[in-house]
Amino acid sequence: MAKRGGFPGGGMPGNMANLMKQAQKMQRQMEEQAKEMETKEYAATAGGGAVEVTVSGSKKILKVKLDEEVVDPDDVEMLEDLIVAAANEALEKADEASASAMSKLTGGMGGGMPGLF
């Protein structure tokens, strides 16, 4: 009579324990990477460098730098557009750096293992 359940040969429980250790190690590395990302800064410019926005890895705007010539009281809308453009580009840089760092840790498995990451 065939044995129900269990793992034939007894090899799988050891592999499962090893897999769990690797997952825990990866989780610690991801947490460390996330903390490191928070300390990094990403800057982007718009209007030929007239507007510069710096954001943190945790997606907080840290600094907005404006050249005097871009501050025109008769054209506030242009300045607003430049700030939005620079801020969005800086945030995209932060996102790309974060995705790249996480991809290095997971070896590209994140998308293939729903619920794990």
N, C-alpha and C. Protein backbone atom coordinates (compact mmCIF):
# COMPACT_ATOMS: atom_id res chain seq x y z
N MET A 1 0.84 -1.18 0.00
CA MET A 1 0.00 0.00 0.00
C MET A 1 0.88 1.24 0.00
N ALA A 2 0.56 2.17 -0.84
CA ALA A 2 1.35 3.40 -0.96
C ALA A 2 1.15 4.27 0.25
N LYS A 3 2.21 4.86 0.67
CA LYS A 3 2.18 5.76 1.83
C LYS A 3 1.57 7.10 1.40
N ARG A 4 0.63 7.61 2.16
CA ARG A 4 0.00 8.90 1.81
C ARG A 4 0.72 10.04 2.50
N GLY A 5 0.80 11.16 1.79
CA GLY A 5 1.41 12.35 2.39
C GLY A 5 2.91 12.18 2.52
N GLY A 6 3.52 13.08 3.22
CA GLY A 6 4.96 13.01 3.44
C GLY A 6 5.73 13.28 2.17
N PHE A 7 7.02 13.13 2.27
CA PHE A 7 7.89 13.37 1.14
C PHE A 7 8.71 12.12 0.89
N PRO A 8 8.62 11.53 -0.29
CA PRO A 8 9.37 10.32 -0.58
C PRO A 8 10.87 10.56 -0.40
N GLY A 9 11.52 9.65 0.23
CA GLY A 9 12.95 9.75 0.41
C GLY A 9 13.36 10.68 1.54
N GLY A 10 12.45 11.40 2.10
CA GLY A 10 12.74 12.28 3.22
C GLY A 10 13.60 13.49 2.87
N GLY A 11 13.89 13.74 1.59
CA GLY A 11 14.77 14.84 1.21
C GLY A 11 14.11 16.21 1.21
N MET A 12 12.84 16.28 1.03
CA MET A 12 12.17 17.56 0.87
C MET A 12 12.15 18.42 2.14
N PRO A 13 11.91 17.86 3.33
CA PRO A 13 11.89 18.74 4.50
C PRO A 13 13.19 19.52 4.69
N GLY A 14 14.32 18.92 4.42
CA GLY A 14 15.60 19.63 4.51
C GLY A 14 15.69 20.75 3.49
N ASN A 15 15.21 20.47 2.28
CA ASN A 15 15.21 21.49 1.24
C ASN A 15 14.27 22.64 1.61
N MET A 16 13.16 22.31 2.23
CA MET A 16 12.20 23.34 2.63
C MET A 16 12.81 24.23 3.71
N ALA A 17 13.50 23.63 4.67
CA ALA A 17 14.15 24.41 5.73
C ALA A 17 15.21 25.32 5.13
N ASN A 18 15.96 24.81 4.17
CA ASN A 18 16.98 25.61 3.51
C ASN A 18 16.34 26.76 2.74
N LEU A 19 15.24 26.48 2.07
CA LEU A 19 14.52 27.51 1.32
C LEU A 19 14.01 28.60 2.26
N MET A 20 13.51 28.19 3.42
CA MET A 20 13.02 29.18 4.39
C MET A 20 14.17 30.05 4.91
N LYS A 21 15.33 29.44 5.15
CA LYS A 21 16.50 30.22 5.59
C LYS A 21 16.90 31.23 4.53
N GLN A 22 16.88 30.79 3.28
CA GLN A 22 17.24 31.70 2.18
C GLN A 22 16.22 32.84 2.08
N ALA A 23 14.94 32.52 2.26
CA ALA A 23 13.89 33.54 2.20
C ALA A 23 14.06 34.55 3.34
N GLN A 24 14.40 34.06 4.53
CA GLN A 24 14.61 34.96 5.66
C GLN A 24 15.82 35.85 5.43
N LYS A 25 16.88 35.29 4.88
CA LYS A 25 18.07 36.07 4.57
C LYS A 25 17.75 37.15 3.54
N MET A 26 16.99 36.77 2.51
CA MET A 26 16.61 37.72 1.47
C MET A 26 15.74 38.83 2.07
N GLN A 27 14.85 38.47 2.97
CA GLN A 27 13.99 39.48 3.60
C GLN A 27 14.83 40.47 4.39
N ARG A 28 15.82 39.98 5.14
CA ARG A 28 16.71 40.88 5.90
C ARG A 28 17.46 41.80 4.95
N GLN A 29 17.95 41.26 3.84
CA GLN A 29 18.68 42.06 2.87
C GLN A 29 17.77 43.12 2.26
N MET A 30 16.53 42.75 1.99
CA MET A 30 15.58 43.71 1.41
C MET A 30 15.28 44.83 2.40
N GLU A 31 15.15 44.49 3.68
CA GLU A 31 14.91 45.51 4.69
C GLU A 31 16.10 46.45 4.80
N GLU A 32 17.31 45.89 4.76
CA GLU A 32 18.51 46.73 4.81
C GLU A 32 18.58 47.63 3.58
N GLN A 33 18.24 47.08 2.42
CA GLN A 33 18.26 47.86 1.18
C GLN A 33 17.24 48.99 1.25
N ALA A 34 16.06 48.72 1.80
CA ALA A 34 15.03 49.74 1.92
C ALA A 34 15.50 50.88 2.82
N LYS A 35 16.17 50.54 3.93
CA LYS A 35 16.70 51.57 4.83
C LYS A 35 17.77 52.40 4.13
N GLU A 36 18.62 51.71 3.37
CA GLU A 36 19.66 52.42 2.64
C GLU A 36 19.06 53.35 1.59
N MET A 37 18.01 52.90 0.92
CA MET A 37 17.36 53.72 -0.10
C MET A 37 16.82 55.02 0.49
N GLU A 38 16.33 54.96 1.72
CA GLU A 38 15.76 56.15 2.35
C GLU A 38 16.80 57.25 2.51
N THR A 39 18.06 56.89 2.61
CA THR A 39 19.11 57.88 2.82
C THR A 39 19.64 58.47 1.52
N LYS A 40 19.32 57.86 0.41
CA LYS A 40 19.82 58.34 -0.88
C LYS A 40 18.97 59.49 -1.39
N GLU A 41 19.60 60.32 -2.23
CA GLU A 41 18.91 61.46 -2.82
C GLU A 41 19.01 61.38 -4.34
N TYR A 42 17.94 61.82 -5.00
CA TYR A 42 17.86 61.81 -6.45
C TYR A 42 17.40 63.19 -6.90
N ALA A 43 18.14 63.77 -7.84
CA ALA A 43 17.81 65.11 -8.32
C ALA A 43 17.52 65.07 -9.81
N ALA A 44 16.66 65.98 -10.23
CA ALA A 44 16.36 66.13 -11.64
C ALA A 44 16.11 67.61 -11.91
N THR A 45 16.35 68.00 -13.16
CA THR A 45 16.16 69.40 -13.53
C THR A 45 15.15 69.51 -14.66
N ALA A 46 14.66 70.73 -14.83
CA ALA A 46 13.76 71.06 -15.93
C ALA A 46 14.09 72.49 -16.35
N GLY A 47 13.64 72.84 -17.53
CA GLY A 47 13.87 74.20 -18.02
C GLY A 47 15.34 74.50 -18.21
N GLY A 48 16.09 73.52 -18.72
CA GLY A 48 17.51 73.72 -18.95
C GLY A 48 18.29 73.94 -17.67
N GLY A 49 17.81 73.37 -16.57
CA GLY A 49 18.50 73.49 -15.30
C GLY A 49 18.01 74.64 -14.44
N ALA A 50 17.00 75.35 -14.91
CA ALA A 50 16.48 76.49 -14.15
C ALA A 50 15.73 76.04 -12.90
N VAL A 51 15.21 74.82 -12.93
CA VAL A 51 14.50 74.25 -11.79
C VAL A 51 15.15 72.91 -11.46
N GLU A 52 15.48 72.72 -10.18
CA GLU A 52 16.04 71.45 -9.74
C GLU A 52 15.26 70.97 -8.52
N VAL A 53 14.84 69.71 -8.57
CA VAL A 53 14.12 69.11 -7.45
C VAL A 53 14.91 67.90 -6.98
N THR A 54 15.07 67.81 -5.66
CA THR A 54 15.77 66.68 -5.06
C THR A 54 14.79 65.93 -4.17
N VAL A 55 14.74 64.60 -4.35
CA VAL A 55 13.86 63.75 -3.55
C VAL A 55 14.69 62.69 -2.85
N SER A 56 14.12 62.13 -1.79
CA SER A 56 14.78 61.03 -1.09
C SER A 56 14.32 59.71 -1.69
N GLY A 57 15.03 58.65 -1.32
CA GLY A 57 14.64 57.32 -1.75
C GLY A 57 13.29 56.90 -1.20
N SER A 58 12.85 57.57 -0.13
CA SER A 58 11.53 57.29 0.43
C SER A 58 10.47 58.21 -0.17
N LYS A 59 10.82 58.85 -1.28
CA LYS A 59 9.89 59.65 -2.10
C LYS A 59 9.35 60.88 -1.39
N LYS A 60 10.22 61.55 -0.67
CA LYS A 60 9.88 62.83 -0.05
C LYS A 60 10.67 63.90 -0.78
N ILE A 61 10.02 65.02 -1.09
CA ILE A 61 10.73 66.14 -1.72
C ILE A 61 11.59 66.79 -0.65
N LEU A 62 12.89 66.86 -0.91
CA LEU A 62 13.83 67.41 0.05
C LEU A 62 14.19 68.86 -0.25
N LYS A 63 14.26 69.18 -1.56
CA LYS A 63 14.74 70.51 -1.92
C LYS A 63 14.21 70.90 -3.29
N VAL A 64 13.88 72.18 -3.43
CA VAL A 64 13.53 72.75 -4.72
C VAL A 64 14.43 73.97 -4.90
N LYS A 65 15.18 73.98 -6.02
CA LYS A 65 16.09 75.08 -6.30
C LYS A 65 15.62 75.77 -7.57
N LEU A 66 15.49 77.08 -7.52
CA LEU A 66 15.02 77.85 -8.67
C LEU A 66 16.05 78.91 -9.04
N ASP A 67 16.37 79.03 -10.33
CA ASP A 67 17.17 80.15 -10.79
C ASP A 67 16.28 81.38 -10.83
N GLU A 68 16.85 82.54 -10.52
CA GLU A 68 16.05 83.77 -10.47
C GLU A 68 15.32 84.06 -11.77
N GLU A 69 15.97 83.76 -12.90
CA GLU A 69 15.35 84.12 -14.19
C GLU A 69 14.07 83.35 -14.47
N VAL A 70 13.86 82.23 -13.80
CA VAL A 70 12.66 81.43 -14.05
C VAL A 70 11.48 81.92 -13.20
N VAL A 71 11.75 82.78 -12.24
CA VAL A 71 10.70 83.31 -11.37
C VAL A 71 10.13 84.57 -12.02
N ASP A 72 9.08 84.37 -12.80
CA ASP A 72 8.43 85.47 -13.52
C ASP A 72 7.00 85.59 -13.00
N PRO A 73 6.70 86.68 -12.27
CA PRO A 73 5.35 86.82 -11.71
C PRO A 73 4.25 86.82 -12.78
N ASP A 74 4.63 87.11 -14.03
CA ASP A 74 3.64 87.12 -15.10
C ASP A 74 3.45 85.74 -15.74
N ASP A 75 4.28 84.78 -15.33
CA ASP A 75 4.16 83.43 -15.91
C ASP A 75 4.39 82.37 -14.83
N VAL A 76 3.56 82.41 -13.81
CA VAL A 76 3.64 81.45 -12.70
C VAL A 76 3.35 80.03 -13.20
N GLU A 77 2.47 79.91 -14.17
CA GLU A 77 2.09 78.59 -14.68
C GLU A 77 3.29 77.84 -15.25
N MET A 78 4.17 78.54 -15.96
CA MET A 78 5.36 77.88 -16.51
C MET A 78 6.24 77.35 -15.37
N LEU A 79 6.43 78.14 -14.33
CA LEU A 79 7.24 77.71 -13.19
C LEU A 79 6.62 76.49 -12.53
N GLU A 80 5.32 76.50 -12.36
CA GLU A 80 4.63 75.34 -11.77
C GLU A 80 4.87 74.08 -12.60
N ASP A 81 4.75 74.22 -13.92
CA ASP A 81 4.96 73.08 -14.82
C ASP A 81 6.39 72.55 -14.72
N LEU A 82 7.36 73.45 -14.64
CA LEU A 82 8.76 73.04 -14.54
C LEU A 82 9.01 72.30 -13.23
N ILE A 83 8.43 72.77 -12.15
CA ILE A 83 8.60 72.10 -10.85
C ILE A 83 7.99 70.71 -10.88
N VAL A 84 6.80 70.60 -11.43
CA VAL A 84 6.14 69.29 -11.53
C VAL A 84 6.98 68.34 -12.39
N ALA A 85 7.49 68.83 -13.52
CA ALA A 85 8.29 67.98 -14.41
C ALA A 85 9.56 67.50 -13.71
N ALA A 86 10.26 68.40 -13.02
CA ALA A 86 11.49 68.01 -12.34
C ALA A 86 11.20 67.05 -11.18
N ALA A 87 10.13 67.31 -10.45
CA ALA A 87 9.77 66.44 -9.32
C ALA A 87 9.42 65.03 -9.82
N ASN A 88 8.65 64.94 -10.87
CA ASN A 88 8.27 63.63 -11.41
C ASN A 88 9.48 62.87 -11.91
N GLU A 89 10.41 63.56 -12.56
CA GLU A 89 11.61 62.89 -13.06
C GLU A 89 12.48 62.40 -11.90
N ALA A 90 12.61 63.21 -10.86
CA ALA A 90 13.40 62.79 -9.69
C ALA A 90 12.76 61.57 -9.02
N LEU A 91 11.44 61.56 -8.91
CA LEU A 91 10.74 60.42 -8.32
C LEU A 91 10.92 59.16 -9.17
N GLU A 92 10.91 59.33 -10.48
CA GLU A 92 11.14 58.18 -11.37
C GLU A 92 12.54 57.62 -11.17
N LYS A 93 13.52 58.50 -10.98
CA LYS A 93 14.89 58.05 -10.72
C LYS A 93 14.94 57.23 -9.43
N ALA A 94 14.25 57.70 -8.41
CA ALA A 94 14.22 56.98 -7.13
C ALA A 94 13.56 55.61 -7.31
N ASP A 95 12.46 55.57 -8.05
CA ASP A 95 11.76 54.30 -8.31
C ASP A 95 12.66 53.32 -9.07
N GLU A 96 13.35 53.82 -10.10
CA GLU A 96 14.21 52.96 -10.90
C GLU A 96 15.36 52.40 -10.05
N ALA A 97 15.94 53.24 -9.21
CA ALA A 97 17.04 52.78 -8.36
C ALA A 97 16.55 51.73 -7.37
N SER A 98 15.36 51.93 -6.82
CA SER A 98 14.79 50.98 -5.88
C SER A 98 14.49 49.65 -6.56
N ALA A 99 13.88 49.71 -7.73
CA ALA A 99 13.55 48.49 -8.46
C ALA A 99 14.81 47.73 -8.85
N SER A 100 15.84 48.46 -9.27
CA SER A 100 17.09 47.84 -9.65
C SER A 100 17.75 47.16 -8.46
N ALA A 101 17.75 47.83 -7.31
CA ALA A 101 18.36 47.26 -6.11
C ALA A 101 17.61 46.01 -5.66
N MET A 102 16.30 46.05 -5.69
CA MET A 102 15.51 44.89 -5.27
C MET A 102 15.67 43.74 -6.26
N SER A 103 15.77 44.05 -7.53
CA SER A 103 15.94 43.02 -8.55
C SER A 103 17.26 42.28 -8.35
N LYS A 104 18.29 43.01 -7.94
CA LYS A 104 19.58 42.37 -7.67
C LYS A 104 19.46 41.39 -6.51
N LEU A 105 18.67 41.76 -5.49
CA LEU A 105 18.51 40.89 -4.33
C LEU A 105 17.67 39.65 -4.65
N THR A 106 16.62 39.83 -5.40
CA THR A 106 15.69 38.73 -5.65
C THR A 106 16.07 37.93 -6.90
N GLY A 107 17.01 38.43 -7.66
CA GLY A 107 17.40 37.73 -8.88
C GLY A 107 16.28 37.68 -9.88
N GLY A 108 15.38 38.67 -9.81
CA GLY A 108 14.26 38.72 -10.74
C GLY A 108 13.11 37.80 -10.39
N MET A 109 13.14 37.17 -9.19
CA MET A 109 12.06 36.24 -8.85
C MET A 109 10.83 36.92 -8.29
N GLY A 110 10.90 38.17 -7.91
CA GLY A 110 9.79 38.84 -7.25
C GLY A 110 8.47 38.71 -7.99
N GLY A 111 8.49 38.88 -9.32
CA GLY A 111 7.25 38.80 -10.08
C GLY A 111 6.70 37.40 -10.19
N GLY A 112 7.55 36.40 -10.04
CA GLY A 112 7.11 35.03 -10.21
C GLY A 112 6.64 34.37 -8.92
N MET A 113 6.72 35.08 -7.82
CA MET A 113 6.33 34.47 -6.55
C MET A 113 5.36 35.40 -5.82
N PRO A 114 4.13 35.48 -6.31
CA PRO A 114 3.16 36.39 -5.70
C PRO A 114 2.97 36.12 -4.22
N GLY A 115 2.87 37.20 -3.47
CA GLY A 115 2.64 37.06 -2.03
C GLY A 115 3.90 36.88 -1.22
N LEU A 116 5.02 36.57 -1.88
CA LEU A 116 6.25 36.36 -1.13
C LEU A 116 6.97 37.67 -0.89
N PHE A 117 6.88 38.63 -1.83
CA PHE A 117 7.59 39.89 -1.68
C PHE A 117 6.63 41.03 -1.82
